[in-house]
Protein backbone atom coordinates (compact mmCIF):
# COMPACT_ATOMS: atom_id res chain seq x y z
CA UNK A 1 101.03 132.67 90.58
CA UNK A 2 101.21 134.41 93.22
CA UNK A 3 103.30 137.84 93.00
CA UNK A 4 106.86 138.77 94.15
CA UNK A 5 109.26 141.37 94.88
CA UNK A 6 112.44 140.39 92.57
CA UNK A 7 115.78 141.65 94.14
CA UNK A 8 117.95 143.90 91.61
CA UNK A 9 120.60 144.66 93.93
CA UNK A 10 121.20 142.83 97.18
CA UNK A 11 124.04 144.54 98.42
CA UNK A 12 123.46 142.92 102.18
CA UNK A 13 119.98 142.42 102.40
CA UNK A 14 118.43 139.15 105.26
CA UNK A 15 115.26 138.35 105.93
CA UNK A 16 114.72 139.05 109.70
CA UNK A 17 111.87 139.03 112.48
CA UNK A 18 111.81 139.86 116.05
CA UNK A 19 113.90 136.12 117.05
CA UNK A 20 113.71 133.35 118.38
CA UNK A 21 111.96 134.24 122.24
CA UNK A 22 112.40 131.97 124.73
CA UNK A 23 114.74 129.15 122.72
CA UNK A 24 118.48 130.40 124.58
CA UNK A 25 116.99 127.48 127.02
CA UNK A 26 118.00 125.05 124.01
CA UNK A 27 121.58 126.75 122.72
CA UNK A 28 119.83 128.91 120.30
CA UNK A 29 120.95 132.40 119.83
CA UNK A 30 117.42 135.23 120.02
CA UNK A 31 118.91 136.56 116.29
CA UNK A 32 116.75 138.75 114.52
CA UNK A 33 116.64 142.44 113.93
CA UNK A 34 119.25 144.89 115.50
CA UNK A 35 117.67 147.13 115.90
CA UNK A 36 114.34 145.85 117.00
CA UNK A 37 112.05 149.35 117.50
CA UNK A 38 113.16 150.07 113.51
CA UNK A 39 112.14 146.76 112.54
CA UNK A 40 108.40 147.21 114.36
CA UNK A 41 108.14 150.15 113.21
CA UNK A 42 108.83 148.78 109.64
CA UNK A 43 105.96 147.04 109.84
CA UNK A 44 103.18 148.74 112.78
CA UNK A 45 103.18 151.49 109.69
CA UNK A 46 102.53 148.68 106.95
CA UNK A 47 99.68 147.55 108.83
CA UNK A 48 101.18 144.23 109.84
CA UNK A 49 101.71 142.26 112.75
CA UNK A 50 105.15 143.65 114.99
CA UNK A 51 106.65 139.75 114.36
CA UNK A 52 106.26 139.78 110.35
CA UNK A 53 109.19 139.17 108.34
CA UNK A 54 110.96 141.63 107.17
CA UNK A 55 114.30 142.60 105.09
CA UNK A 56 117.12 143.84 106.85
CA UNK A 57 119.16 146.57 104.88
CA UNK A 58 123.37 146.73 106.18
CA UNK A 59 125.41 149.72 104.60
CA UNK A 60 124.99 148.72 101.46
CA UNK A 61 122.44 149.65 98.34
CA UNK A 62 119.63 147.74 97.43
CA UNK A 63 117.20 147.28 95.30
CA UNK A 64 113.92 145.47 94.47
CA UNK A 65 111.10 145.25 91.43
CA UNK A 66 107.76 143.90 92.69
CA UNK A 67 105.21 141.85 89.99
CA UNK A 68 102.30 143.83 91.08
CA UNK A 69 101.09 147.32 93.14
CA UNK A 70 102.43 146.76 96.93
CA UNK A 71 102.49 149.01 99.88
CA UNK A 72 106.17 149.25 101.70
CA UNK A 73 107.65 151.25 104.16
CA UNK A 74 110.98 151.94 105.23
CA UNK A 75 112.83 152.71 109.07
CA UNK A 76 116.78 152.44 110.22
CA UNK A 77 119.13 155.03 109.26
CA UNK A 78 119.25 157.91 107.16
CA UNK A 79 119.24 157.30 103.24
CA UNK A 80 118.08 157.54 99.41
CA UNK A 81 114.71 155.87 99.13
CA UNK A 82 113.32 156.19 95.06
CA UNK A 83 110.35 155.14 93.38
CA UNK A 84 111.12 155.41 89.56
CA UNK A 85 114.43 157.55 90.54
CA UNK A 86 111.29 159.91 92.18
CA UNK A 87 112.34 160.43 96.19
CA UNK A 88 109.81 159.06 98.69
CA UNK A 89 109.68 159.50 102.62
CA UNK A 90 111.08 157.41 105.11
CA UNK A 91 108.66 156.17 107.80
CA UNK A 92 105.53 156.71 106.68
CA UNK A 93 103.50 153.67 104.00
CA UNK A 94 105.14 154.70 100.68
CA UNK A 95 102.93 152.85 97.20
CA UNK A 96 105.25 150.80 94.68
CA UNK A 97 103.31 150.49 91.60
CA UNK A 98 103.60 146.56 89.60
CA UNK A 99 107.36 146.87 87.80
CA UNK A 100 108.39 149.50 89.70
CA UNK A 101 112.20 150.22 90.72
CA UNK A 102 112.24 150.94 93.97
CA UNK A 103 116.01 151.58 95.58
CA UNK A 104 117.75 152.04 99.32
CA UNK A 105 120.81 153.91 98.60
CA UNK A 106 123.25 156.05 100.61
CA UNK A 107 122.78 154.82 103.84
CA UNK A 108 124.33 156.93 106.68
CA UNK A 109 124.69 158.02 110.00
CA UNK A 110 123.29 154.27 110.70
CA UNK A 111 124.30 151.06 109.85
CA UNK A 112 120.84 149.42 109.20
CA UNK A 113 117.49 150.24 106.74
CA UNK A 114 114.50 148.09 107.18
CA UNK A 115 111.83 147.51 104.40
CA UNK A 116 108.62 145.70 105.48
CA UNK A 117 105.75 144.52 103.15
CA UNK A 118 101.48 145.02 103.80
CA UNK A 119 101.27 141.36 104.34
CA UNK A 120 105.37 140.71 104.17
CA UNK A 121 106.19 137.55 101.91
CA UNK A 122 106.61 134.39 102.41
CA UNK A 123 109.53 133.18 104.89
CA UNK A 124 111.33 129.87 105.85
CA UNK A 125 111.31 129.51 109.66
CA UNK A 126 113.35 127.31 112.44
CA UNK A 127 112.09 126.94 116.35
CA UNK A 128 109.47 130.27 114.97
CA UNK A 129 111.05 132.54 113.82
CA UNK A 130 112.79 133.07 109.78
CA UNK A 131 116.45 134.85 111.25
CA UNK A 132 119.48 134.13 110.60
CA UNK A 133 121.11 131.82 112.45
CA UNK A 134 124.87 131.82 110.97
CA UNK A 135 126.09 129.35 112.92
CA UNK A 136 123.80 126.62 111.93
CA UNK A 137 123.48 128.38 108.17
CA UNK A 138 120.04 128.90 108.69
CA UNK A 139 118.79 131.82 106.30
CA UNK A 140 122.08 132.84 104.28
CA UNK A 141 121.98 136.36 103.17
CA UNK A 142 119.28 137.40 100.29
CA UNK A 143 121.79 137.54 96.73
CA UNK A 144 120.06 139.60 93.28
CA UNK A 145 117.67 137.89 91.16
CA UNK A 146 116.48 136.39 94.44
CA UNK A 147 112.06 136.70 94.46
CA UNK A 148 110.14 136.88 97.43
CA UNK A 149 107.10 135.18 97.27
CA UNK A 150 104.49 137.93 98.46
CA UNK A 151 101.06 137.45 100.74
CA UNK A 152 99.58 140.74 99.68
CA UNK A 153 99.01 143.27 96.66
CA UNK A 154 97.70 146.56 97.14
CA UNK A 155 95.99 149.84 95.20
CA UNK A 156 98.85 151.85 94.15
CA UNK A 157 97.43 154.54 97.40
CA UNK A 158 98.34 158.91 96.51
CA UNK A 159 96.85 161.15 95.80
CA UNK A 160 95.72 161.23 91.40
CA UNK A 161 96.70 164.87 90.94
CA UNK A 162 99.40 167.11 93.36
CA UNK A 163 101.51 164.38 94.29
CA UNK A 164 101.07 164.54 97.59
CA UNK A 165 101.71 161.23 99.84
CA UNK A 166 98.03 160.85 101.64
CA UNK A 167 100.50 159.51 105.21
CA UNK A 168 101.24 161.60 107.42
CA UNK A 169 101.22 158.95 110.76
CA UNK A 170 104.04 160.62 112.61
CA UNK A 171 105.82 157.78 114.03
CA UNK A 172 108.44 157.16 116.46
CA UNK A 173 111.51 157.54 115.02
CA UNK A 174 115.12 157.06 116.51
CA UNK A 175 117.55 160.14 117.21
CA UNK A 176 120.81 159.49 115.14
CA UNK A 177 123.95 161.27 116.49
CA UNK A 178 127.13 161.19 116.02
CA UNK A 179 128.12 160.23 119.04
CA UNK A 180 125.72 157.16 120.40
CA UNK A 181 124.81 157.41 124.34
CA UNK A 182 123.82 153.83 124.92
CA UNK A 183 122.22 153.16 128.19
CA UNK A 184 123.71 150.26 130.58
CA UNK A 185 122.84 148.79 134.03
CA UNK A 186 124.59 147.49 136.39
CA UNK A 187 125.95 144.09 135.44
CA UNK A 188 125.90 141.02 137.74
CA UNK A 189 130.26 141.51 138.44
CA UNK A 190 129.43 145.58 138.68
CA UNK A 191 131.27 145.21 142.25
CA UNK A 192 133.92 143.09 140.82
CA UNK A 193 135.89 145.81 138.57
CA UNK A 194 136.14 148.88 142.48
CA UNK A 195 137.11 152.49 141.45
CA UNK A 196 137.46 151.19 137.61
CA UNK A 197 134.10 150.84 136.96
CA UNK A 198 134.01 154.11 137.00
CA UNK A 199 136.17 154.22 133.84
CA UNK A 200 132.89 153.34 131.60
CA UNK A 201 131.16 156.36 132.11
CA UNK A 202 134.36 158.29 131.52
CA UNK A 203 134.83 158.37 128.53
CA UNK A 204 133.74 157.88 125.17
CA UNK A 205 134.49 154.45 123.31
CA UNK A 206 135.14 153.44 119.50
CA UNK A 207 133.78 150.64 117.79
CA UNK A 208 135.95 148.53 116.19
CA UNK A 209 135.59 146.86 112.80
CA UNK A 210 135.12 143.58 113.89
CA UNK A 211 132.43 144.60 115.02
CA UNK A 212 129.01 142.07 113.80
CA UNK A 213 125.64 141.15 114.44
CA UNK A 214 127.23 139.01 117.89
CA UNK A 215 128.48 141.81 119.65
CA UNK A 216 130.15 144.67 119.29
CA UNK A 217 134.08 145.65 119.89
CA UNK A 218 134.77 148.78 121.71
CA UNK A 219 138.06 150.42 121.87
CA UNK A 220 139.21 152.77 124.75
CA UNK A 221 139.64 153.40 129.10
CA UNK A 222 138.70 150.08 129.41
CA UNK A 223 137.91 149.45 133.83
CA UNK A 224 139.79 146.94 134.96
CA UNK A 225 138.41 143.86 137.33
CA UNK A 226 139.99 144.33 140.53
CA UNK A 227 139.55 140.84 142.14
CA UNK A 228 141.07 137.14 141.34
CA UNK A 229 140.00 134.51 140.84
CA UNK A 230 138.30 132.39 137.33
CA UNK A 231 134.62 133.30 136.19
CA UNK A 232 133.04 130.47 135.50
CA UNK A 233 130.75 129.90 132.22
CA UNK A 234 127.83 130.88 132.26
CA UNK A 235 124.13 131.91 131.04
CA UNK A 236 124.72 135.51 129.43
CA UNK A 237 121.62 138.12 128.22
CA UNK A 238 121.88 140.00 125.19
CA UNK A 239 123.44 143.44 125.91
CA UNK A 240 125.78 142.46 128.35
CA UNK A 241 129.25 144.27 128.20
CA UNK A 242 132.06 142.25 128.86
CA UNK A 243 135.49 142.94 130.44
CA UNK A 244 137.91 140.32 128.89
CA UNK A 245 142.11 140.35 129.93
CA UNK A 246 143.43 142.24 126.93
CA UNK A 247 141.99 146.32 126.15
CA UNK A 248 138.66 145.99 125.34
CA UNK A 249 135.02 145.39 125.84
CA UNK A 250 133.13 143.17 124.49
CA UNK A 251 129.01 144.06 124.06
CA UNK A 252 126.95 141.25 122.78
CA UNK A 253 124.12 141.95 120.94
CA UNK A 254 121.40 139.56 119.26
CA UNK A 255 123.75 136.58 117.62
CA UNK A 256 125.19 136.27 120.87
CA UNK A 257 126.13 132.57 122.32
CA UNK A 258 124.14 132.18 125.01
CA UNK A 259 127.26 131.27 127.74
CA UNK A 260 130.56 133.07 128.50
CA UNK A 261 133.28 132.93 130.70
CA UNK A 262 134.20 136.91 131.01
CA UNK A 263 133.13 139.20 133.92
CA UNK A 264 130.48 140.99 133.39
CA UNK A 265 130.47 144.66 134.74
CA UNK A 266 127.28 146.11 132.53
CA UNK A 267 124.40 145.47 130.45
CA UNK A 268 122.67 147.33 127.98
CA UNK A 269 119.06 147.84 128.28
CA UNK A 270 116.35 147.38 125.35
CA UNK A 271 116.11 150.74 124.42
CA UNK A 272 119.53 151.19 123.63
CA UNK A 273 119.97 147.93 122.60
CA UNK A 274 118.08 149.29 119.54
CA UNK A 275 120.52 152.65 119.10
CA UNK A 276 123.71 150.40 119.28
CA UNK A 277 121.61 148.07 116.94
CA UNK A 278 122.55 150.83 114.18
CA UNK A 279 126.33 152.56 115.65
CA UNK A 280 128.88 152.27 112.83
CA UNK A 281 132.77 151.13 112.38
CA UNK A 282 134.60 153.93 113.71
CA UNK A 283 131.75 156.37 115.84
CA UNK A 284 131.55 156.60 119.61
CA UNK A 285 129.69 155.86 121.55
CA UNK A 286 129.29 157.17 125.24
CA UNK A 287 127.38 155.37 128.36
CA UNK A 288 124.96 155.89 130.90
CA UNK A 289 124.09 154.33 133.81
CA UNK A 290 120.30 153.79 134.34
CA UNK A 291 118.37 152.53 137.25
CA UNK A 292 116.17 149.59 136.35
CA UNK A 293 112.97 151.08 137.23
CA UNK A 294 114.91 154.15 134.03
CA UNK A 295 114.94 151.48 132.02
CA UNK A 296 111.58 150.13 131.98
CA UNK A 297 109.81 153.79 132.03
CA UNK A 298 111.90 153.92 128.93
CA UNK A 299 111.20 150.82 127.44
CA UNK A 300 107.66 150.77 127.93
CA UNK A 301 107.86 154.97 126.95
CA UNK A 302 108.45 153.28 123.40
CA UNK A 303 106.49 151.20 122.93
CA UNK A 304 103.32 152.79 123.83
CA UNK A 305 104.96 154.77 120.74
CA UNK A 306 104.39 152.15 118.81
CA UNK A 307 100.63 150.71 120.32
CA UNK A 308 99.77 154.65 119.81
CA UNK A 309 101.06 154.62 115.99
CA UNK A 310 99.67 151.36 115.23
CA UNK A 311 95.83 153.41 116.25
CA UNK A 312 96.06 155.64 113.29
CA UNK A 313 97.51 153.13 110.74
CA UNK A 314 94.26 151.37 111.60
CA UNK A 315 92.07 154.48 111.52
CA UNK A 316 94.31 155.69 108.19
CA UNK A 317 94.17 152.33 106.45
CA UNK A 318 90.17 152.04 107.66
CA UNK A 319 89.81 154.78 106.23
CA UNK A 320 91.70 154.40 102.91
CA UNK A 321 90.45 150.34 102.41
CA UNK A 322 93.24 148.80 102.23
CA UNK A 323 92.93 145.38 103.98
CA UNK A 324 96.02 144.50 106.04
CA UNK A 325 96.51 140.26 105.93
CA UNK A 326 97.40 139.29 109.14
CA UNK A 327 97.57 141.91 111.22
CA UNK A 328 98.05 141.84 114.65
């Protein structure tokens, strides 16, 4: 029988990947890990394809027990990671023996933690992705006692005498500040806001508790549309900063519907979206304007850092004779 990972304390945890690429044309939200950077890094640290299924743990404590020896990586928001009570690092591969309890607790500064397992685990797919779709009822949150079927196991990897971990892979860690700075480019309706459009950058906004993976609601000095006329429903990108008639901004995230009818003042950049996925209700954010060239350059720098990490992981795994099934 295949080995399994048994959920002991579920909290709020879902099976995720990087979402449904190219499915918006069929009316399906992209979905997937809200912090795409941390999710990619977790899988790369385990030698997996970056699109492999992994766990997204939101806000609450989590615990699991494998039936076989495994290698895992925990990324995302700062948290307390322990194996049988012993402290383990984030953003590095860690070994967990069969029957040992792996805990993630005290998530702070950010909102989401990602847990990948070498070889990943079995998952159901819809339109090429295992990401949940709350509208269709696909991919419900995991519960206590649920079991995930592991695709691979890994003998324990640590120093046999001093207990010093063997891995120092220098993963590109997302910063977790008190006040977040989110990069945006101009939206298609920027001209409709006249001078009030600068309010987006003049003062911070506070994240409402009503925010979720579909989008964030932000309270602050909201820009106002100075033109008249109806905005027709149309396709909207992930990261669209919408300005309804009320006193909040809406920032659409990966669970957004593919069409909307509010004016779009700005669009969050790819790197900004990962940061936005870690902002907690009650925290403040400031928007920073970027040109398209600056946004593309920042995205390339982040992706190159992940590619360089992948090379380091392969070198380390080859030296230790760790086989990573399905690595891409």
